[in-house]
C-alpha atoms as a PDB file:
ATOM      1  CA  MET A   1     -32.935 -42.501   7.147  1.00  0.00           C
ATOM      2  CA  LYS A   2     -32.848 -39.671   9.653  1.00  0.00           C
ATOM      3  CA  LYS A   3     -34.896 -36.524   9.117  1.00  0.00           C
ATOM      4  CA  ALA A   4     -33.091 -33.117   9.142  1.00  0.00           C
ATOM      5  CA  LEU A   5     -34.778 -29.684   9.342  1.00  0.00           C
ATOM      6  CA  ILE A   6     -32.797 -26.624   8.128  1.00  0.00           C
ATOM      7  CA  THR A   7     -33.964 -23.091   8.648  1.00  0.00           C
ATOM      8  CA  GLY A   8     -32.937 -20.394   6.191  1.00  0.00           C
ATOM      9  CA  ALA A   9     -32.397 -23.094   3.578  1.00  0.00           C
ATOM     10  CA  THR A  10     -32.569 -20.682   0.706  1.00  0.00           C
ATOM     11  CA  GLY A  11     -29.497 -18.678   1.565  1.00  0.00           C
ATOM     12  CA  GLY A  12     -25.892 -19.658   0.575  1.00  0.00           C
ATOM     13  CA  ILE A  13     -24.926 -21.413   3.768  1.00  0.00           C
ATOM     14  CA  GLY A  14     -28.405 -23.063   4.186  1.00  0.00           C
ATOM     15  CA  LEU A  15     -28.378 -24.435   0.692  1.00  0.00           C
ATOM     16  CA  GLU A  16     -24.812 -26.042   1.128  1.00  0.00           C
ATOM     17  CA  ILE A  17     -25.979 -27.489   4.476  1.00  0.00           C
ATOM     18  CA  CYS A  18     -28.892 -29.189   2.662  1.00  0.00           C
ATOM     19  CA  LYS A  19     -26.720 -30.532  -0.021  1.00  0.00           C
ATOM     20  CA  PHE A  20     -24.098 -31.988   2.482  1.00  0.00           C
ATOM     21  CA  LEU A  21     -26.786 -33.682   4.503  1.00  0.00           C
ATOM     22  CA  GLY A  22     -28.760 -34.712   1.466  1.00  0.00           C
ATOM     23  CA  ASN A  23     -26.846 -37.915   0.933  1.00  0.00           C
ATOM     24  CA  ASP A  24     -27.914 -39.681   4.126  1.00  0.00           C
ATOM     25  CA  HIS A  25     -30.787 -37.554   5.478  1.00  0.00           C
ATOM     26  CA  GLU A  26     -34.337 -36.673   4.393  1.00  0.00           C
ATOM     27  CA  ILE A  27     -34.289 -32.944   4.166  1.00  0.00           C
ATOM     28  CA  TYR A  28     -36.941 -30.604   5.184  1.00  0.00           C
ATOM     29  CA  ILE A  29     -36.692 -26.916   4.685  1.00  0.00           C
ATOM     30  CA  LEU A  30     -38.101 -23.810   6.345  1.00  0.00           C
ATOM     31  CA  GLY A  31     -38.169 -20.416   4.896  1.00  0.00           C
ATOM     32  CA  ARG A  32     -40.111 -17.254   4.165  1.00  0.00           C
ATOM     33  CA  ASN A  33     -39.817 -17.049   0.355  1.00  0.00           C
ATOM     34  CA  GLU A  34     -42.232 -19.547  -1.066  1.00  0.00           C
ATOM     35  CA  GLU A  35     -41.036 -19.167  -4.668  1.00  0.00           C
ATOM     36  CA  LYS A  36     -37.317 -20.051  -3.735  1.00  0.00           C
ATOM     37  CA  LEU A  37     -38.443 -22.931  -1.526  1.00  0.00           C
ATOM     38  CA  ILE A  38     -40.490 -24.360  -4.490  1.00  0.00           C
ATOM     39  CA  ASN A  39     -37.460 -23.900  -6.826  1.00  0.00           C
ATOM     40  CA  LEU A  40     -35.220 -25.842  -4.352  1.00  0.00           C
ATOM     41  CA  SER A  41     -37.771 -28.652  -3.815  1.00  0.00           C
ATOM     42  CA  ASN A  42     -38.070 -29.046  -7.574  1.00  0.00           C
ATOM     43  CA  LYS A  43     -34.346 -29.017  -8.114  1.00  0.00           C
ATOM     44  CA  PHE A  44     -33.142 -31.340  -5.438  1.00  0.00           C
ATOM     45  CA  SER A  45     -34.764 -34.695  -5.000  1.00  0.00           C
ATOM     46  CA  PHE A  46     -33.410 -35.072  -1.430  1.00  0.00           C
ATOM     47  CA  ILE A  47     -35.665 -32.197  -0.257  1.00  0.00           C
ATOM     48  CA  LYS A  48     -38.750 -34.204   0.913  1.00  0.00           C
ATOM     49  CA  GLU A  49     -40.866 -31.190   2.005  1.00  0.00           C
ATOM     50  CA  TYR A  50     -40.811 -27.253   2.370  1.00  0.00           C
ATOM     51  CA  PHE A  51     -42.619 -25.112   4.915  1.00  0.00           C
ATOM     52  CA  VAL A  52     -43.308 -21.387   4.453  1.00  0.00           C
ATOM     53  CA  CYS A  53     -42.842 -19.556   7.844  1.00  0.00           C
ATOM     54  CA  ASP A  54     -42.113 -16.127   8.943  1.00  0.00           C
ATOM     55  CA  ILE A  55     -40.051 -16.910  11.852  1.00  0.00           C
ATOM     56  CA  SER A  56     -40.173 -13.253  13.211  1.00  0.00           C
ATOM     57  CA  GLU A  57     -43.822 -13.930  13.868  1.00  0.00           C
ATOM     58  CA  VAL A  58     -44.882 -16.039  16.863  1.00  0.00           C
ATOM     59  CA  LYS A  59     -48.164 -16.895  15.313  1.00  0.00           C
ATOM     60  CA  SER A  60     -46.492 -18.099  12.047  1.00  0.00           C
ATOM     61  CA  LEU A  61     -44.266 -20.341  14.042  1.00  0.00           C
ATOM     62  CA  GLN A  62     -47.057 -21.635  15.989  1.00  0.00           C
ATOM     63  CA  ASP A  63     -48.949 -22.553  12.821  1.00  0.00           C
ATOM     64  CA  PHE A  64     -45.740 -24.196  11.611  1.00  0.00           C
ATOM     65  CA  PHE A  65     -45.531 -26.344  14.777  1.00  0.00           C
ATOM     66  CA  GLU A  66     -49.269 -27.362  14.211  1.00  0.00           C
ATOM     67  CA  LYS A  67     -48.518 -28.531  10.750  1.00  0.00           C
ATOM     68  CA  ILE A  68     -45.612 -30.584  12.043  1.00  0.00           C
ATOM     69  CA  SER A  69     -47.748 -32.219  14.753  1.00  0.00           C
ATOM     70  CA  MET A  70     -50.762 -32.921  12.406  1.00  0.00           C
ATOM     71  CA  LYS A  71     -48.138 -34.667   9.868  1.00  0.00           C
ATOM     72  CA  ASN A  72     -46.579 -36.546  12.871  1.00  0.00           C
ATOM     73  CA  LEU A  73     -43.331 -35.517  11.359  1.00  0.00           C
ATOM     74  CA  GLN A  74     -40.399 -36.403  13.709  1.00  0.00           C
ATOM     75  CA  ILE A  75     -37.283 -34.418  13.194  1.00  0.00           C
ATOM     76  CA  ASP A  76     -33.929 -36.052  14.319  1.00  0.00           C
ATOM     77  CA  VAL A  77     -31.493 -33.155  13.317  1.00  0.00           C
ATOM     78  CA  LEU A  78     -32.313 -29.503  13.587  1.00  0.00           C
ATOM     79  CA  VAL A  79     -29.958 -26.885  12.138  1.00  0.00           C
ATOM     80  CA  ASN A  80     -30.974 -23.319  13.052  1.00  0.00           C
ATOM     81  CA  ASN A  81     -29.318 -21.312  10.256  1.00  0.00           C
ATOM     82  CA  ALA A  82     -31.761 -18.617   9.688  1.00  0.00           C
ATOM     83  CA  GLY A  83     -30.545 -15.047  10.404  1.00  0.00           C
ATOM     84  CA  VAL A  84     -30.703 -11.426   9.383  1.00  0.00           C
ATOM     85  CA  THR A  85     -28.865  -8.234   9.803  1.00  0.00           C
ATOM     86  CA  ASP A  86     -30.181  -4.686  10.178  1.00  0.00           C
ATOM     87  CA  ASP A  87     -27.277  -2.528  11.015  1.00  0.00           C
ATOM     88  CA  SER A  88     -27.147   0.834  12.609  1.00  0.00           C
ATOM     89  CA  LEU A  89     -24.703   2.576  15.023  1.00  0.00           C
ATOM     90  CA  PHE A  90     -25.688   2.043  18.510  1.00  0.00           C
ATOM     91  CA  LEU A  91     -26.597   5.507  19.321  1.00  0.00           C
ATOM     92  CA  ARG A  92     -28.921   5.577  16.243  1.00  0.00           C
ATOM     93  CA  MET A  93     -30.376   1.954  16.883  1.00  0.00           C
ATOM     94  CA  ASP A  94     -34.154   2.022  17.328  1.00  0.00           C
ATOM     95  CA  LEU A  95     -36.281  -0.491  18.896  1.00  0.00           C
ATOM     96  CA  LYS A  96     -37.763  -1.658  15.676  1.00  0.00           C
ATOM     97  CA  LYS A  97     -34.313  -2.625  14.304  1.00  0.00           C
ATOM     98  CA  TRP A  98     -33.462  -4.220  17.653  1.00  0.00           C
ATOM     99  CA  ASN A  99     -36.437  -6.301  17.955  1.00  0.00           C
ATOM    100  CA  LYS A 100     -36.466  -7.403  14.295  1.00  0.00           C
ATOM    101  CA  VAL A 101     -33.012  -9.021  14.556  1.00  0.00           C
ATOM    102  CA  ILE A 102     -33.527 -10.429  18.043  1.00  0.00           C
ATOM    103  CA  ASN A 103     -36.777 -11.914  17.060  1.00  0.00           C
ATOM    104  CA  ILE A 104     -35.394 -13.676  13.890  1.00  0.00           C
ATOM    105  CA  ASN A 105     -31.970 -14.763  15.135  1.00  0.00           C
ATOM    106  CA  LEU A 106     -32.483 -15.561  18.685  1.00  0.00           C
ATOM    107  CA  ASN A 107     -36.220 -15.780  19.727  1.00  0.00           C
ATOM    108  CA  SER A 108     -37.206 -18.037  16.800  1.00  0.00           C
ATOM    109  CA  ASN A 109     -34.269 -20.251  17.571  1.00  0.00           C
ATOM    110  CA  PHE A 110     -35.493 -20.755  21.142  1.00  0.00           C
ATOM    111  CA  MET A 111     -38.988 -21.543  20.022  1.00  0.00           C
ATOM    112  CA  ILE A 112     -37.910 -23.899  17.168  1.00  0.00           C
ATOM    113  CA  SER A 113     -35.380 -25.689  19.370  1.00  0.00           C
ATOM    114  CA  ASN A 114     -37.760 -26.042  22.338  1.00  0.00           C
ATOM    115  CA  PHE A 115     -40.544 -27.583  20.097  1.00  0.00           C
ATOM    116  CA  PHE A 116     -38.217 -30.187  18.324  1.00  0.00           C
ATOM    117  CA  SER A 117     -36.099 -30.997  21.392  1.00  0.00           C
ATOM    118  CA  LYS A 118     -39.254 -32.456  22.920  1.00  0.00           C
ATOM    119  CA  GLN A 119     -39.540 -34.877  19.981  1.00  0.00           C
ATOM    120  CA  MET A 120     -35.836 -35.928  20.435  1.00  0.00           C
ATOM    121  CA  ILE A 121     -36.214 -36.406  24.036  1.00  0.00           C
ATOM    122  CA  LYS A 122     -39.043 -38.976  23.394  1.00  0.00           C
ATOM    123  CA  LYS A 123     -36.483 -40.940  20.989  1.00  0.00           C
ATOM    124  CA  LYS A 124     -33.553 -40.406  23.314  1.00  0.00           C
ATOM    125  CA  TRP A 125     -31.570 -39.092  20.223  1.00  0.00           C
ATOM    126  CA  GLY A 126     -30.968 -35.879  18.403  1.00  0.00           C
ATOM    127  CA  ARG A 127     -28.596 -33.329  16.888  1.00  0.00           C
ATOM    128  CA  ILE A 128     -29.174 -29.522  17.245  1.00  0.00           C
ATOM    129  CA  VAL A 129     -26.712 -27.265  15.505  1.00  0.00           C
ATOM    130  CA  ASN A 130     -26.994 -23.464  15.830  1.00  0.00           C
ATOM    131  CA  ILE A 131     -25.273 -21.237  13.382  1.00  0.00           C
ATOM    132  CA  THR A 132     -23.790 -18.064  15.240  1.00  0.00           C
ATOM    133  CA  SER A 133     -21.136 -15.731  14.049  1.00  0.00           C
ATOM    134  CA  VAL A 134     -17.661 -14.583  14.920  1.00  0.00           C
ATOM    135  CA  VAL A 135     -18.901 -11.055  15.892  1.00  0.00           C
ATOM    136  CA  GLY A 136     -20.868 -12.631  18.537  1.00  0.00           C
ATOM    137  CA  HIS A 137     -17.494 -13.171  20.278  1.00  0.00           C
ATOM    138  CA  THR A 138     -15.614 -10.220  19.054  1.00  0.00           C
ATOM    139  CA  GLY A 139     -18.253  -7.457  18.718  1.00  0.00           C
ATOM    140  CA  ASN A 140     -18.690  -5.281  15.587  1.00  0.00           C
ATOM    141  CA  ALA A 141     -19.367  -1.538  15.163  1.00  0.00           C
ATOM    142  CA  GLY A 142     -22.913  -1.025  13.843  1.00  0.00           C
ATOM    143  CA  GLN A 143     -24.214  -4.392  14.778  1.00  0.00           C
ATOM    144  CA  SER A 144     -25.200  -4.180  18.368  1.00  0.00           C
ATOM    145  CA  ASN A 145     -28.479  -6.019  17.760  1.00  0.00           C
ATOM    146  CA  TYR A 146     -26.871  -8.853  15.585  1.00  0.00           C
ATOM    147  CA  THR A 147     -23.859  -9.413  17.854  1.00  0.00           C
ATOM    148  CA  ALA A 148     -26.306  -9.560  20.822  1.00  0.00           C
ATOM    149  CA  SER A 149     -28.432 -12.179  19.052  1.00  0.00           C
ATOM    150  CA  LYS A 150     -25.545 -14.292  18.072  1.00  0.00           C
ATOM    151  CA  ALA A 151     -23.927 -14.069  21.527  1.00  0.00           C
ATOM    152  CA  GLY A 152     -27.295 -15.078  23.066  1.00  0.00           C
ATOM    153  CA  ILE A 153     -27.398 -18.175  20.788  1.00  0.00           C
ATOM    154  CA  ILE A 154     -23.970 -19.192  22.044  1.00  0.00           C
ATOM    155  CA  GLY A 155     -25.011 -18.978  25.781  1.00  0.00           C
ATOM    156  CA  MET A 156     -28.419 -20.692  25.157  1.00  0.00           C
ATOM    157  CA  THR A 157     -26.681 -23.445  23.206  1.00  0.00           C
ATOM    158  CA  LYS A 158     -24.425 -24.150  26.343  1.00  0.00           C
ATOM    159  CA  SER A 159     -27.466 -24.279  28.672  1.00  0.00           C
ATOM    160  CA  ILE A 160     -29.568 -26.505  26.489  1.00  0.00           C
ATOM    161  CA  ALA A 161     -26.653 -28.904  25.968  1.00  0.00           C
ATOM    162  CA  ILE A 162     -26.365 -29.431  29.491  1.00  0.00           C
ATOM    163  CA  GLU A 163     -30.040 -29.994  30.079  1.00  0.00           C
ATOM    164  CA  LEU A 164     -30.342 -32.343  27.051  1.00  0.00           C
ATOM    165  CA  ALA A 165     -26.999 -34.389  27.469  1.00  0.00           C
ATOM    166  CA  LYS A 166     -28.706 -37.230  29.457  1.00  0.00           C
ATOM    167  CA  ARG A 167     -31.221 -37.863  26.662  1.00  0.00           C
ATOM    168  CA  ASN A 168     -28.380 -38.529  24.217  1.00  0.00           C
ATOM    169  CA  ILE A 169     -29.057 -35.165  22.450  1.00  0.00           C
ATOM    170  CA  THR A 170     -26.083 -33.075  21.503  1.00  0.00           C
ATOM    171  CA  VAL A 171     -26.347 -29.155  20.862  1.00  0.00           C
ATOM    172  CA  ASN A 172     -23.496 -27.228  19.516  1.00  0.00           C
ATOM    173  CA  SER A 173     -22.942 -23.899  17.677  1.00  0.00           C
ATOM    174  CA  ILE A 174     -20.773 -23.100  14.555  1.00  0.00           C
ATOM    175  CA  SER A 175     -19.306 -19.639  14.628  1.00  0.00           C
ATOM    176  CA  PRO A 176     -18.539 -18.633  10.924  1.00  0.00           C
ATOM    177  CA  GLY A 177     -16.187 -15.747  10.092  1.00  0.00           C
ATOM    178  CA  PHE A 178     -16.633 -13.764   6.913  1.00  0.00           C
ATOM    179  CA  ILE A 179     -18.351 -16.257   4.450  1.00  0.00           C
ATOM    180  CA  ASP A 180     -19.184 -15.604   0.672  1.00  0.00           C
ATOM    181  CA  THR A 181     -22.989 -15.182   0.866  1.00  0.00           C
ATOM    182  CA  GLU A 182     -25.538 -12.748   0.014  1.00  0.00           C
ATOM    183  CA  MET A 183     -24.696 -10.898   3.363  1.00  0.00           C
ATOM    184  CA  THR A 184     -21.212 -10.116   2.096  1.00  0.00           C
ATOM    185  CA  ALA A 185     -22.021  -9.816  -1.668  1.00  0.00           C
ATOM    186  CA  SER A 186     -22.696  -6.099  -1.093  1.00  0.00           C
ATOM    187  CA  LEU A 187     -18.998  -5.467   0.117  1.00  0.00           C
ATOM    188  CA  THR A 188     -16.767  -3.763  -2.422  1.00  0.00           C
ATOM    189  CA  ASP A 189     -13.460  -5.230  -3.612  1.00  0.00           C
ATOM    190  CA  GLU A 190     -11.553  -2.895  -1.491  1.00  0.00           C
ATOM    191  CA  GLN A 191     -13.561  -3.971   1.609  1.00  0.00           C
ATOM    192  CA  LYS A 192     -13.108  -7.696   0.777  1.00  0.00           C
ATOM    193  CA  ASP A 193      -9.155  -6.937   0.407  1.00  0.00           C
ATOM    194  CA  PHE A 194      -9.285  -5.201   3.732  1.00  0.00           C
ATOM    195  CA  ILE A 195     -11.082  -8.254   5.345  1.00  0.00           C
ATOM    196  CA  LYS A 196      -8.827 -10.731   3.748  1.00  0.00           C
ATOM    197  CA  ASN A 197      -5.748  -9.069   4.981  1.00  0.00           C
ATOM    198  CA  LYS A 198      -6.950  -9.703   8.550  1.00  0.00           C
ATOM    199  CA  ILE A 199      -7.420 -13.481   8.026  1.00  0.00           C
ATOM    200  CA  PRO A 200      -4.423 -15.591   8.373  1.00  0.00           C
ATOM    201  CA  LEU A 201      -5.767 -17.996   5.607  1.00  0.00           C
ATOM    202  CA  ALA A 202      -6.072 -14.825   3.394  1.00  0.00           C
ATOM    203  CA  ARG A 203      -9.284 -15.675   1.873  1.00  0.00           C
ATOM    204  CA  ILE A 204     -13.048 -15.231   2.683  1.00  0.00           C
ATOM    205  CA  GLY A 205     -14.670 -18.583   3.530  1.00  0.00           C
ATOM    206  CA  ARG A 206     -17.106 -20.461   1.430  1.00  0.00           C
ATOM    207  CA  PRO A 207     -20.519 -21.921   2.402  1.00  0.00           C
ATOM    208  CA  GLU A 208     -19.274 -25.478   2.338  1.00  0.00           C
ATOM    209  CA  ASP A 209     -16.661 -24.774   4.751  1.00  0.00           C
ATOM    210  CA  VAL A 210     -19.439 -24.360   7.076  1.00  0.00           C
ATOM    211  CA  ALA A 211     -21.544 -27.198   5.912  1.00  0.00           C
ATOM    212  CA  TYR A 212     -18.630 -29.553   6.283  1.00  0.00           C
ATOM    213  CA  CYS A 213     -18.679 -28.708   9.923  1.00  0.00           C
ATOM    214  CA  VAL A 214     -22.417 -29.229  10.248  1.00  0.00           C
ATOM    215  CA  LYS A 215     -22.206 -32.530   8.589  1.00  0.00           C
ATOM    216  CA  PHE A 216     -19.588 -33.695  11.188  1.00  0.00           C
ATOM    217  CA  LEU A 217     -21.386 -32.303  14.222  1.00  0.00           C
ATOM    218  CA  VAL A 218     -24.609 -34.349  13.320  1.00  0.00           C
ATOM    219  CA  SER A 219     -22.755 -37.565  12.543  1.00  0.00           C
ATOM    220  CA  ASP A 220     -21.892 -40.332  14.846  1.00  0.00           C
ATOM    221  CA  GLN A 221     -18.331 -39.298  14.746  1.00  0.00           C
ATOM    222  CA  ALA A 222     -19.382 -36.298  16.980  1.00  0.00           C
ATOM    223  CA  ASN A 223     -21.357 -38.197  19.732  1.00  0.00           C
ATOM    224  CA  TYR A 224     -19.180 -37.069  22.472  1.00  0.00           C
ATOM    225  CA  ILE A 225     -19.108 -33.391  21.452  1.00  0.00           C
ATOM    226  CA  THR A 226     -21.786 -31.013  23.123  1.00  0.00           C
ATOM    227  CA  GLY A 227     -22.110 -27.520  24.348  1.00  0.00           C
ATOM    228  CA  GLN A 228     -19.302 -26.460  21.982  1.00  0.00           C
ATOM    229  CA  THR A 229     -18.718 -23.678  19.654  1.00  0.00           C
ATOM    230  CA  ILE A 230     -16.688 -24.494  16.541  1.00  0.00           C
ATOM    231  CA  HIS A 231     -15.097 -21.544  15.002  1.00  0.00           C
ATOM    232  CA  VAL A 232     -14.913 -21.501  11.120  1.00  0.00           C
ATOM    233  CA  ASN A 233     -13.161 -18.293  10.412  1.00  0.00           C
ATOM    234  CA  GLY A 234      -9.731 -19.008   8.762  1.00  0.00           C
ATOM    235  CA  GLY A 235      -8.021 -17.767  11.812  1.00  0.00           C
ATOM    236  CA  LEU A 236      -9.615 -14.252  11.910  1.00  0.00           C
ATOM    237  CA  ALA A 237     -10.408 -14.814  15.554  1.00  0.00           C
ATOM    238  CA  MET A 238      -8.578 -17.558  17.546  1.00  0.00           C
ATOM    239  CA  LEU A 239     -10.736 -18.070  20.382  1.00  0.00           C
END
């Protein structure tokens, strides 16, 4: 059974990805909140192990990589799902907010992919799926740091895909639109109605809509798909 590592596993999308891959993968989860990680591990038998890591900190990531090496844990499927927002109008954006989002959303993605791709190269098989966002393509007022990080993931995905293709490793992105998660839970009903009016399918997406796509991309049915961005946004942006 192949082993899958999902970052940001305690969030709505991350948990659904774990559930969808749990039938035919050993699941390993990475997050910052140990209490939530323990609860998930106790609740779902398909979660083999959890790792506590603050992916905004290089030292914390290096310690995580050391644990993986000591355990000789070989990951076949990597889903880079972790991400944060820290919104501010561009003219009021300070370096602290900028660096926080770039470090968590983009820099950690690079470090984690870099480490586990070396394992995949040795086995000549692997799947990497990066979760980005529709606003990485369209832009969004008040989110210059977030959109920059997500657009960076899209570009990085393409470059990595080119480099790893000859080793039978596919690298793709999924770009969700508005999904019903903790990030959108703070929206008022009026704001949600405004958003739904912009979406041709007239509804906000569900975490499982993204998880379905992840399951496909890591399967053998997608072994000729690499360097692509799959848009899961209900038609909000037809790119």
